[in-house]
């Protein structure tokens, strides 16, 4: 059973990751349009989308969203640690005490 702090961290982490992913999606969509002059592919799996465009979009969007989520969760963990005096339960190393 999760403790109160663990529940708070779970919600805090989820909200920060989702917010970061949404912002990254907007940024990568805008960047793609500026760089290519076209809207990003709606569905890269569609056979009508050129394979190289689909691959480029998957790499660009996946990287941007993954990095944004990681940075947001690291910042959230840092804030959590400053607020509670310890890392969130999921991020503690084995030798750290609660």
PDB file of N, CA and C in Angstrom:
ATOM      1  N   UNK A   1       0.847  -1.185   0.000  1.00  0.00           N
ATOM      2  CA  UNK A   1       0.000   0.000   0.000  1.00  0.00           C
ATOM      3  C   UNK A   1       0.887   1.241   0.000  1.00  0.00           C
ATOM      4  N   UNK A   2       0.551   2.201  -0.814  1.00  0.00           N
ATOM      5  CA  UNK A   2       1.356   3.414  -0.960  1.00  0.00           C
ATOM      6  C   UNK A   2       1.088   4.372   0.192  1.00  0.00           C
ATOM      7  N   UNK A   3       2.150   5.030   0.632  1.00  0.00           N
ATOM      8  CA  UNK A   3       1.987   6.014   1.688  1.00  0.00           C
ATOM      9  C   UNK A   3       1.452   7.313   1.097  1.00  0.00           C
ATOM     10  N   UNK A   4       1.066   8.254   1.962  1.00  0.00           N
ATOM     11  CA  UNK A   4       0.557   9.550   1.511  1.00  0.00           C
ATOM     12  C   UNK A   4       1.556  10.275   0.640  1.00  0.00           C
ATOM     13  N   UNK A   5       2.839  10.245   1.040  1.00  0.00           N
ATOM     14  CA  UNK A   5       3.883  10.902   0.259  1.00  0.00           C
ATOM     15  C   UNK A   5       4.043  10.272  -1.104  1.00  0.00           C
ATOM     16  N   UNK A   6       3.911   8.972  -1.158  1.00  0.00           N
ATOM     17  CA  UNK A   6       4.032   8.264  -2.428  1.00  0.00           C
ATOM     18  C   UNK A   6       2.888   8.643  -3.360  1.00  0.00           C
ATOM     19  N   UNK A   7       1.692   8.769  -2.821  1.00  0.00           N
ATOM     20  CA  UNK A   7       0.536   9.173  -3.631  1.00  0.00           C
ATOM     21  C   UNK A   7       0.723  10.593  -4.154  1.00  0.00           C
ATOM     22  N   UNK A   8       1.208  11.477  -3.292  1.00  0.00           N
ATOM     23  CA  UNK A   8       1.458  12.859  -3.708  1.00  0.00           C
ATOM     24  C   UNK A   8       2.488  12.879  -4.826  1.00  0.00           C
ATOM     25  N   UNK A   9       3.578  12.108  -4.661  1.00  0.00           N
ATOM     26  CA  UNK A   9       4.612  12.071  -5.693  1.00  0.00           C
ATOM     27  C   UNK A   9       4.049  11.516  -6.997  1.00  0.00           C
ATOM     28  N   UNK A  10       3.253  10.472  -6.931  1.00  0.00           N
ATOM     29  CA  UNK A  10       2.693   9.868  -8.138  1.00  0.00           C
ATOM     30  C   UNK A  10       1.868  10.893  -8.918  1.00  0.00           C
ATOM     31  N   UNK A  11       1.020  11.616  -8.233  1.00  0.00           N
ATOM     32  CA  UNK A  11       0.191  12.629  -8.887  1.00  0.00           C
ATOM     33  C   UNK A  11       1.064  13.767  -9.418  1.00  0.00           C
ATOM     34  N   UNK A  12       1.983  14.251  -8.602  1.00  0.00           N
ATOM     35  CA  UNK A  12       2.868  15.351  -8.983  1.00  0.00           C
ATOM     36  C   UNK A  12       3.697  14.974 -10.201  1.00  0.00           C
ATOM     37  N   UNK A  13       4.243  13.778 -10.210  1.00  0.00           N
ATOM     38  CA  UNK A  13       5.061  13.298 -11.317  1.00  0.00           C
ATOM     39  C   UNK A  13       4.235  13.163 -12.586  1.00  0.00           C
ATOM     40  N   UNK A  14       3.050  12.605 -12.468  1.00  0.00           N
ATOM     41  CA  UNK A  14       2.180  12.420 -13.626  1.00  0.00           C
ATOM     42  C   UNK A  14       1.776  13.757 -14.239  1.00  0.00           C
ATOM     43  N   UNK A  15       1.366  14.699 -13.405  1.00  0.00           N
ATOM     44  CA  UNK A  15       0.951  16.013 -13.899  1.00  0.00           C
ATOM     45  C   UNK A  15       2.117  16.721 -14.593  1.00  0.00           C
ATOM     46  N   UNK A  16       3.304  16.671 -14.001  1.00  0.00           N
ATOM     47  CA  UNK A  16       4.456  17.341 -14.619  1.00  0.00           C
ATOM     48  C   UNK A  16       4.818  16.685 -15.950  1.00  0.00           C
ATOM     49  N   UNK A  17       4.759  15.368 -16.018  1.00  0.00           N
ATOM     50  CA  UNK A  17       5.093  14.658 -17.259  1.00  0.00           C
ATOM     51  C   UNK A  17       4.076  14.953 -18.357  1.00  0.00           C
ATOM     52  N   UNK A  18       2.800  14.945 -18.014  1.00  0.00           N
ATOM     53  CA  UNK A  18       1.771  15.222 -19.016  1.00  0.00           C
ATOM     54  C   UNK A  18       1.851  16.667 -19.510  1.00  0.00           C
ATOM     55  N   UNK A  19       2.088  17.601 -18.603  1.00  0.00           N
ATOM     56  CA  UNK A  19       2.232  19.005 -18.998  1.00  0.00           C
ATOM     57  C   UNK A  19       3.426  19.207 -19.910  1.00  0.00           C
ATOM     58  N   UNK A  20       4.534  18.587 -19.569  1.00  0.00           N
ATOM     59  CA  UNK A  20       5.740  18.709 -20.383  1.00  0.00           C
ATOM     60  C   UNK A  20       5.533  18.088 -21.758  1.00  0.00           C
ATOM     61  N   UNK A  21       4.873  16.938 -21.808  1.00  0.00           N
ATOM     62  CA  UNK A  21       4.621  16.278 -23.093  1.00  0.00           C
ATOM     63  C   UNK A  21       3.725  17.133 -23.981  1.00  0.00           C
ATOM     64  N   UNK A  22       2.715  17.767 -23.390  1.00  0.00           N
ATOM     65  CA  UNK A  22       1.819  18.630 -24.175  1.00  0.00           C
ATOM     66  C   UNK A  22       2.573  19.838 -24.730  1.00  0.00           C
ATOM     67  N   UNK A  23       3.406  20.452 -23.908  1.00  0.00           N
ATOM     68  CA  UNK A  23       4.187  21.595 -24.379  1.00  0.00           C
ATOM     69  C   UNK A  23       5.194  21.186 -25.447  1.00  0.00           C
ATOM     70  N   UNK A  24       5.830  20.049 -25.257  1.00  0.00           N
ATOM     71  CA  UNK A  24       6.795  19.565 -26.244  1.00  0.00           C
ATOM     72  C   UNK A  24       6.094  19.260 -27.567  1.00  0.00           C
ATOM     73  N   UNK A  25       4.912  18.688 -27.509  1.00  0.00           N
ATOM     74  CA  UNK A  25       4.156  18.377 -28.732  1.00  0.00           C
ATOM     75  C   UNK A  25       3.863  19.649 -29.507  1.00  0.00           C
ATOM     76  N   UNK A  26       3.428  20.691 -28.816  1.00  0.00           N
ATOM     77  CA  UNK A  26       3.161  21.966 -29.490  1.00  0.00           C
ATOM     78  C   UNK A  26       4.433  22.518 -30.122  1.00  0.00           C
ATOM     79  N   UNK A  27       5.522  22.462 -29.380  1.00  0.00           N
ATOM     80  CA  UNK A  27       6.790  23.003 -29.872  1.00  0.00           C
ATOM     81  C   UNK A  27       7.300  22.211 -31.074  1.00  0.00           C
ATOM     82  N   UNK A  28       7.227  20.889 -31.017  1.00  0.00           N
ATOM     83  CA  UNK A  28       7.734  20.084 -32.132  1.00  0.00           C
ATOM     84  C   UNK A  28       6.826  20.215 -33.348  1.00  0.00           C
ATOM     85  N   UNK A  29       5.524  20.338 -33.143  1.00  0.00           N
ATOM     86  CA  UNK A  29       4.614  20.577 -34.271  1.00  0.00           C
ATOM     87  C   UNK A  29       4.972  21.883 -34.978  1.00  0.00           C
ATOM     88  N   UNK A  30       5.180  22.920 -34.205  1.00  0.00           N
ATOM     89  CA  UNK A  30       5.522  24.236 -34.759  1.00  0.00           C
ATOM     90  C   UNK A  30       6.879  24.178 -35.464  1.00  0.00           C
ATOM     91  N   UNK A  31       7.857  23.548 -34.827  1.00  0.00           N
ATOM     92  CA  UNK A  31       9.193  23.430 -35.417  1.00  0.00           C
ATOM     93  C   UNK A  31       9.156  22.643 -36.724  1.00  0.00           C
ATOM     94  N   UNK A  32       8.383  21.565 -36.739  1.00  0.00           N
ATOM     95  CA  UNK A  32       8.261  20.749 -37.945  1.00  0.00           C
ATOM     96  C   UNK A  32       7.692  21.585 -39.094  1.00  0.00           C
ATOM     97  N   UNK A  33       6.637  22.341 -38.800  1.00  0.00           N
ATOM     98  CA  UNK A  33       5.995  23.161 -39.819  1.00  0.00           C
ATOM     99  C   UNK A  33       6.961  24.214 -40.360  1.00  0.00           C
ATOM    100  N   UNK A  34       7.729  24.835 -39.482  1.00  0.00           N
ATOM    101  CA  UNK A  34       8.710  25.839 -39.908  1.00  0.00           C
ATOM    102  C   UNK A  34       9.810  25.192 -40.744  1.00  0.00           C
ATOM    103  N   UNK A  35      10.295  24.042 -40.308  1.00  0.00           N
ATOM    104  CA  UNK A  35      11.420  23.383 -40.985  1.00  0.00           C
ATOM    105  C   UNK A  35      11.031  22.780 -42.332  1.00  0.00           C
ATOM    106  N   UNK A  36       9.832  22.213 -42.421  1.00  0.00           N
ATOM    107  CA  UNK A  36       9.454  21.493 -43.638  1.00  0.00           C
ATOM    108  C   UNK A  36       8.462  22.241 -44.511  1.00  0.00           C
ATOM    109  N   UNK A  37       7.785  23.232 -43.936  1.00  0.00           N
ATOM    110  CA  UNK A  37       6.737  23.928 -44.677  1.00  0.00           C
ATOM    111  C   UNK A  37       5.442  23.136 -44.753  1.00  0.00           C
ATOM    112  N   UNK A  38       5.381  21.992 -44.044  1.00  0.00           N
ATOM    113  CA  UNK A  38       4.185  21.145 -44.032  1.00  0.00           C
ATOM    114  C   UNK A  38       3.777  20.863 -42.589  1.00  0.00           C
ATOM    115  N   UNK A  39       2.517  20.492 -42.435  1.00  0.00           N
ATOM    116  CA  UNK A  39       2.058  20.049 -41.121  1.00  0.00           C
ATOM    117  C   UNK A  39       2.684  18.687 -40.826  1.00  0.00           C
ATOM    118  N   UNK A  40       2.890  18.378 -39.549  1.00  0.00           N
ATOM    119  CA  UNK A  40       3.419  17.048 -39.212  1.00  0.00           C
ATOM    120  C   UNK A  40       2.430  15.957 -39.623  1.00  0.00           C
ATOM    121  N   UNK A  41       2.931  14.769 -39.893  1.00  0.00           N
ATOM    122  CA  UNK A  41       2.015  13.681 -40.275  1.00  0.00           C
ATOM    123  C   UNK A  41       1.015  13.387 -39.160  1.00  0.00           C
ATOM    124  N   UNK A  42      -0.244  13.284 -39.523  1.00  0.00           N
ATOM    125  CA  UNK A  42      -1.279  12.946 -38.532  1.00  0.00           C
ATOM    126  C   UNK A  42      -1.082  11.528 -38.022  1.00  0.00           C
ATOM    127  N   UNK A  43      -0.770  10.621 -38.951  1.00  0.00           N
ATOM    128  CA  UNK A  43      -0.572   9.221 -38.593  1.00  0.00           C
ATOM    129  C   UNK A  43       0.623   8.690 -39.377  1.00  0.00           C
ATOM    130  N   UNK A  44       1.813   8.684 -38.762  1.00  0.00           N
ATOM    131  CA  UNK A  44       2.996   8.224 -39.476  1.00  0.00           C
ATOM    132  C   UNK A  44       2.905   6.780 -39.974  1.00  0.00           C
ATOM    133  N   UNK A  45       2.010   5.979 -39.423  1.00  0.00           N
ATOM    134  CA  UNK A  45       1.845   4.593 -39.865  1.00  0.00           C
ATOM    135  C   UNK A  45       1.059   4.490 -41.169  1.00  0.00           C
ATOM    136  N   UNK A  46       0.440   5.581 -41.594  1.00  0.00           N
ATOM    137  CA  UNK A  46      -0.326   5.597 -42.845  1.00  0.00           C
ATOM    138  C   UNK A  46       0.616   5.345 -44.025  1.00  0.00           C
ATOM    139  N   UNK A  47       0.325   4.350 -44.860  1.00  0.00           N
ATOM    140  CA  UNK A  47       1.196   4.055 -45.999  1.00  0.00           C
ATOM    141  C   UNK A  47       1.333   5.215 -46.990  1.00  0.00           C
ATOM    142  N   UNK A  48       0.412   6.167 -46.964  1.00  0.00           N
ATOM    143  CA  UNK A  48       0.500   7.323 -47.858  1.00  0.00           C
ATOM    144  C   UNK A  48       1.545   8.332 -47.388  1.00  0.00           C
ATOM    145  N   UNK A  49       1.990   8.218 -46.144  1.00  0.00           N
ATOM    146  CA  UNK A  49       3.052   9.093 -45.626  1.00  0.00           C
ATOM    147  C   UNK A  49       4.384   8.485 -46.043  1.00  0.00           C
ATOM    148  N   UNK A  50       5.235   9.302 -46.665  1.00  0.00           N
ATOM    149  CA  UNK A  50       6.559   8.838 -47.076  1.00  0.00           C
ATOM    150  C   UNK A  50       7.297   8.238 -45.873  1.00  0.00           C
ATOM    151  N   UNK A  51       7.952   7.107 -46.075  1.00  0.00           N
ATOM    152  CA  UNK A  51       8.613   6.398 -44.969  1.00  0.00           C
ATOM    153  C   UNK A  51       9.638   7.269 -44.260  1.00  0.00           C
ATOM    154  N   UNK A  52      10.401   8.049 -45.022  1.00  0.00           N
ATOM    155  CA  UNK A  52      11.434   8.878 -44.402  1.00  0.00           C
ATOM    156  C   UNK A  52      10.830  10.027 -43.594  1.00  0.00           C
ATOM    157  N   UNK A  53       9.691  10.539 -44.063  1.00  0.00           N
ATOM    158  CA  UNK A  53       8.993  11.566 -43.290  1.00  0.00           C
ATOM    159  C   UNK A  53       8.450  10.960 -41.992  1.00  0.00           C
ATOM    160  N   UNK A  54       7.900   9.762 -42.084  1.00  0.00           N
ATOM    161  CA  UNK A  54       7.371   9.080 -40.897  1.00  0.00           C
ATOM    162  C   UNK A  54       8.480   8.797 -39.893  1.00  0.00           C
ATOM    163  N   UNK A  55       9.629   8.327 -40.376  1.00  0.00           N
ATOM    164  CA  UNK A  55      10.761   8.035 -39.493  1.00  0.00           C
ATOM    165  C   UNK A  55      11.282   9.313 -38.855  1.00  0.00           C
ATOM    166  N   UNK A  56      11.449  10.358 -39.658  1.00  0.00           N
ATOM    167  CA  UNK A  56      11.944  11.638 -39.124  1.00  0.00           C
ATOM    168  C   UNK A  56      10.989  12.186 -38.070  1.00  0.00           C
ATOM    169  N   UNK A  57       9.689  12.086 -38.337  1.00  0.00           N
ATOM    170  CA  UNK A  57       8.703  12.587 -37.376  1.00  0.00           C
ATOM    171  C   UNK A  57       8.746  11.762 -36.080  1.00  0.00           C
ATOM    172  N   UNK A  58       8.839  10.449 -36.205  1.00  0.00           N
ATOM    173  CA  UNK A  58       8.887   9.584 -35.016  1.00  0.00           C
ATOM    174  C   UNK A  58      10.116   9.905 -34.170  1.00  0.00           C
ATOM    175  N   UNK A  59      11.253  10.078 -34.810  1.00  0.00           N
ATOM    176  CA  UNK A  59      12.486  10.380 -34.081  1.00  0.00           C
ATOM    177  C   UNK A  59      12.388  11.758 -33.421  1.00  0.00           C
ATOM    178  N   UNK A  60      11.979  12.755 -34.180  1.00  0.00           N
ATOM    179  CA  UNK A  60      11.912  14.124 -33.649  1.00  0.00           C
ATOM    180  C   UNK A  60      10.895  14.240 -32.516  1.00  0.00           C
ATOM    181  N   UNK A  61       9.698  13.726 -32.740  1.00  0.00           N
ATOM    182  CA  UNK A  61       8.661  13.874 -31.715  1.00  0.00           C
ATOM    183  C   UNK A  61       8.959  13.013 -30.490  1.00  0.00           C
ATOM    184  N   UNK A  62       9.419  11.791 -30.716  1.00  0.00           N
ATOM    185  CA  UNK A  62       9.742  10.920 -29.585  1.00  0.00           C
ATOM    186  C   UNK A  62      10.854  11.476 -28.721  1.00  0.00           C
ATOM    187  N   UNK A  63      11.888  11.993 -29.376  1.00  0.00           N
ATOM    188  CA  UNK A  63      13.011  12.580 -28.637  1.00  0.00           C
ATOM    189  C   UNK A  63      12.569  13.813 -27.862  1.00  0.00           C
ATOM    190  N   UNK A  64      11.846  14.712 -28.518  1.00  0.00           N
ATOM    191  CA  UNK A  64      11.416  15.951 -27.856  1.00  0.00           C
ATOM    192  C   UNK A  64      10.505  15.662 -26.665  1.00  0.00           C
ATOM    193  N   UNK A  65       9.539  14.793 -26.851  1.00  0.00           N
ATOM    194  CA  UNK A  65       8.602  14.489 -25.763  1.00  0.00           C
ATOM    195  C   UNK A  65       9.300  13.732 -24.639  1.00  0.00           C
ATOM    196  N   UNK A  66      10.149  12.784 -24.979  1.00  0.00           N
ATOM    197  CA  UNK A  66      10.886  12.042 -23.958  1.00  0.00           C
ATOM    198  C   UNK A  66      11.787  12.940 -23.124  1.00  0.00           C
ATOM    199  N   UNK A  67      12.521  13.827 -23.788  1.00  0.00           N
ATOM    200  CA  UNK A  67      13.389  14.765 -23.056  1.00  0.00           C
ATOM    201  C   UNK A  67      12.585  15.717 -22.183  1.00  0.00           C
ATOM    202  N   UNK A  68      11.488  16.239 -22.716  1.00  0.00           N
ATOM    203  CA  UNK A  68      10.656  17.163 -21.935  1.00  0.00           C
ATOM    204  C   UNK A  68      10.099  16.481 -20.687  1.00  0.00           C
ATOM    205  N   UNK A  69       9.631  15.244 -20.836  1.00  0.00           N
ATOM    206  CA  UNK A  69       9.101  14.507 -19.680  1.00  0.00           C
ATOM    207  C   UNK A  69      10.182  14.254 -18.642  1.00  0.00           C
ATOM    208  N   UNK A  70      11.369  13.846 -19.098  1.00  0.00           N
ATOM    209  CA  UNK A  70      12.469  13.567 -18.178  1.00  0.00           C
ATOM    210  C   UNK A  70      12.875  14.826 -17.417  1.00  0.00           C
ATOM    211  N   UNK A  71      13.016  15.931 -18.126  1.00  0.00           N
ATOM    212  CA  UNK A  71      13.398  17.191 -17.470  1.00  0.00           C
ATOM    213  C   UNK A  71      12.329  17.624 -16.480  1.00  0.00           C
ATOM    214  N   UNK A  72      11.067  17.523 -16.866  1.00  0.00           N
ATOM    215  CA  UNK A  72       9.972  17.905 -15.967  1.00  0.00           C
ATOM    216  C   UNK A  72       9.947  17.027 -14.722  1.00  0.00           C
ATOM    217  N   UNK A  73      10.154  15.733 -14.886  1.00  0.00           N
ATOM    218  CA  UNK A  73      10.129  14.844 -13.730  1.00  0.00           C
ATOM    219  C   UNK A  73      11.334  15.069 -12.827  1.00  0.00           C
ATOM    220  N   UNK A  74      12.476  15.396 -13.407  1.00  0.00           N
ATOM    221  CA  UNK A  74      13.650  15.720 -12.582  1.00  0.00           C
ATOM    222  C   UNK A  74      13.404  16.991 -11.780  1.00  0.00           C
ATOM    223  N   UNK A  75      12.808  17.985 -12.419  1.00  0.00           N
ATOM    224  CA  UNK A  75      12.499  19.227 -11.704  1.00  0.00           C
ATOM    225  C   UNK A  75      11.457  18.986 -10.615  1.00  0.00           C
ATOM    226  N   UNK A  76      10.464  18.152 -10.925  1.00  0.00           N
ATOM    227  CA  UNK A  76       9.447  17.809  -9.930  1.00  0.00           C
ATOM    228  C   UNK A  76      10.079  17.068  -8.755  1.00  0.00           C
ATOM    229  N   UNK A  77      11.003  16.156  -9.032  1.00  0.00           N
ATOM    230  CA  UNK A  77      11.685  15.420  -7.963  1.00  0.00           C
ATOM    231  C   UNK A  77      12.527  16.358  -7.114  1.00  0.00           C
ATOM    232  N   UNK A  78      13.168  17.320  -7.752  1.00  0.00           N
ATOM    233  CA  UNK A  78      13.970  18.293  -7.017  1.00  0.00           C
ATOM    234  C   UNK A  78      13.084  19.131  -6.095  1.00  0.00           C
ATOM    235  N   UNK A  79      11.944  19.566  -6.610  1.00  0.00           N
ATOM    236  CA  UNK A  79      11.000  20.340  -5.796  1.00  0.00           C
ATOM    237  C   UNK A  79      10.474  19.489  -4.639  1.00  0.00           C
ATOM    238  N   UNK A  80      10.129  18.238  -4.933  1.00  0.00           N
ATOM    239  CA  UNK A  80       9.639  17.320  -3.907  1.00  0.00           C
ATOM    240  C   UNK A  80      10.691  17.150  -2.814  1.00  0.00           C
ATOM    241  N   UNK A  81      11.951  16.963  -3.214  1.00  0.00           N
ATOM    242  CA  UNK A  81      13.034  16.766  -2.247  1.00  0.00           C
ATOM    243  C   UNK A  81      13.239  18.012  -1.393  1.00  0.00           C
ATOM    244  N   UNK A  82      13.179  19.191  -2.005  1.00  0.00           N
ATOM    245  CA  UNK A  82      13.318  20.438  -1.226  1.00  0.00           C
ATOM    246  C   UNK A  82      12.163  20.597  -0.247  1.00  0.00           C
ATOM    247  N   UNK A  83      10.967  20.164  -0.653  1.00  0.00           N
ATOM    248  CA  UNK A  83       9.777  20.324   0.184  1.00  0.00           C
ATOM    249  C   UNK A  83       9.698  19.311   1.319  1.00  0.00           C
ATOM    250  N   UNK A  84      10.176  18.096   1.084  1.00  0.00           N
ATOM    251  CA  UNK A  84      10.022  17.029   2.077  1.00  0.00           C
ATOM    252  C   UNK A  84      11.319  16.653   2.780  1.00  0.00           C
ATOM    253  N   UNK A  85      12.454  17.039   2.198  1.00  0.00           N
ATOM    254  CA  UNK A  85      13.740  16.671   2.777  1.00  0.00           C
ATOM    255  C   UNK A  85      14.272  15.335   2.292  1.00  0.00           C
ATOM    256  N   UNK A  86      13.571  14.692   1.353  1.00  0.00           N
ATOM    257  CA  UNK A  86      14.039  13.425   0.791  1.00  0.00           C
ATOM    258  C   UNK A  86      13.485  13.262  -0.614  1.00  0.00           C
ATOM    259  N   UNK A  87      14.138  12.376  -1.353  1.00  0.00           N
ATOM    260  CA  UNK A  87      13.669  12.079  -2.709  1.00  0.00           C
ATOM    261  C   UNK A  87      12.333  11.359  -2.666  1.00  0.00           C
ATOM    262  N   UNK A  88      11.589  11.400  -3.759  1.00  0.00           N
ATOM    263  CA  UNK A  88      10.351  10.615  -3.839  1.00  0.00           C
ATOM    264  C   UNK A  88      10.670   9.129  -3.668  1.00  0.00           C
ATOM    265  N   UNK A  89       9.715   8.359  -3.159  1.00  0.00           N
ATOM    266  CA  UNK A  89       9.962   6.936  -2.892  1.00  0.00           C
ATOM    267  C   UNK A  89      10.514   6.169  -4.097  1.00  0.00           C
ATOM    268  N   UNK A  90      10.006   6.409  -5.285  1.00  0.00           N
ATOM    269  CA  UNK A  90      10.446   5.668  -6.471  1.00  0.00           C
ATOM    270  C   UNK A  90      11.868   6.016  -6.898  1.00  0.00           C
ATOM    271  N   UNK A  91      12.404   7.129  -6.435  1.00  0.00           N
ATOM    272  CA  UNK A  91      13.722   7.576  -6.881  1.00  0.00           C
ATOM    273  C   UNK A  91      14.820   7.355  -5.862  1.00  0.00           C
ATOM    274  N   UNK A  92      14.468   6.864  -4.690  1.00  0.00           N
ATOM    275  CA  UNK A  92      15.490   6.616  -3.671  1.00  0.00           C
ATOM    276  C   UNK A  92      16.353   5.442  -4.070  1.00  0.00           C
ATOM    277  N   UNK A  93      17.628   5.592  -3.815  1.00  0.00           N
ATOM    278  CA  UNK A  93      18.550   4.479  -4.055  1.00  0.00           C
ATOM    279  C   UNK A  93      18.398   3.486  -2.913  1.00  0.00           C
ATOM    280  N   UNK A  94      18.822   2.273  -3.130  1.00  0.00           N
ATOM    281  CA  UNK A  94      18.658   1.213  -2.133  1.00  0.00           C
ATOM    282  C   UNK A  94      19.262   1.570  -0.778  1.00  0.00           C
ATOM    283  N   UNK A  95      20.361   2.300  -0.769  1.00  0.00           N
ATOM    284  CA  UNK A  95      21.037   2.591   0.505  1.00  0.00           C
ATOM    285  C   UNK A  95      20.466   3.833   1.220  1.00  0.00           C
ATOM    286  N   UNK A  96      19.530   4.531   0.605  1.00  0.00           N
ATOM    287  CA  UNK A  96      18.949   5.713   1.246  1.00  0.00           C
ATOM    288  C   UNK A  96      17.791   5.308   2.140  1.00  0.00           C
ATOM    289  N   UNK A  97      17.737   5.973   3.261  1.00  0.00           N
ATOM    290  CA  UNK A  97      16.654   5.705   4.204  1.00  0.00           C
ATOM    291  C   UNK A  97      15.484   6.617   3.934  1.00  0.00           C
ATOM    292  N   UNK A  98      14.298   6.188   4.318  1.00  0.00           N
ATOM    293  CA  UNK A  98      13.076   6.979   4.117  1.00  0.00           C
ATOM    294  C   UNK A  98      13.062   8.179   5.017  1.00  0.00           C
TER     295      UNK A  98
END
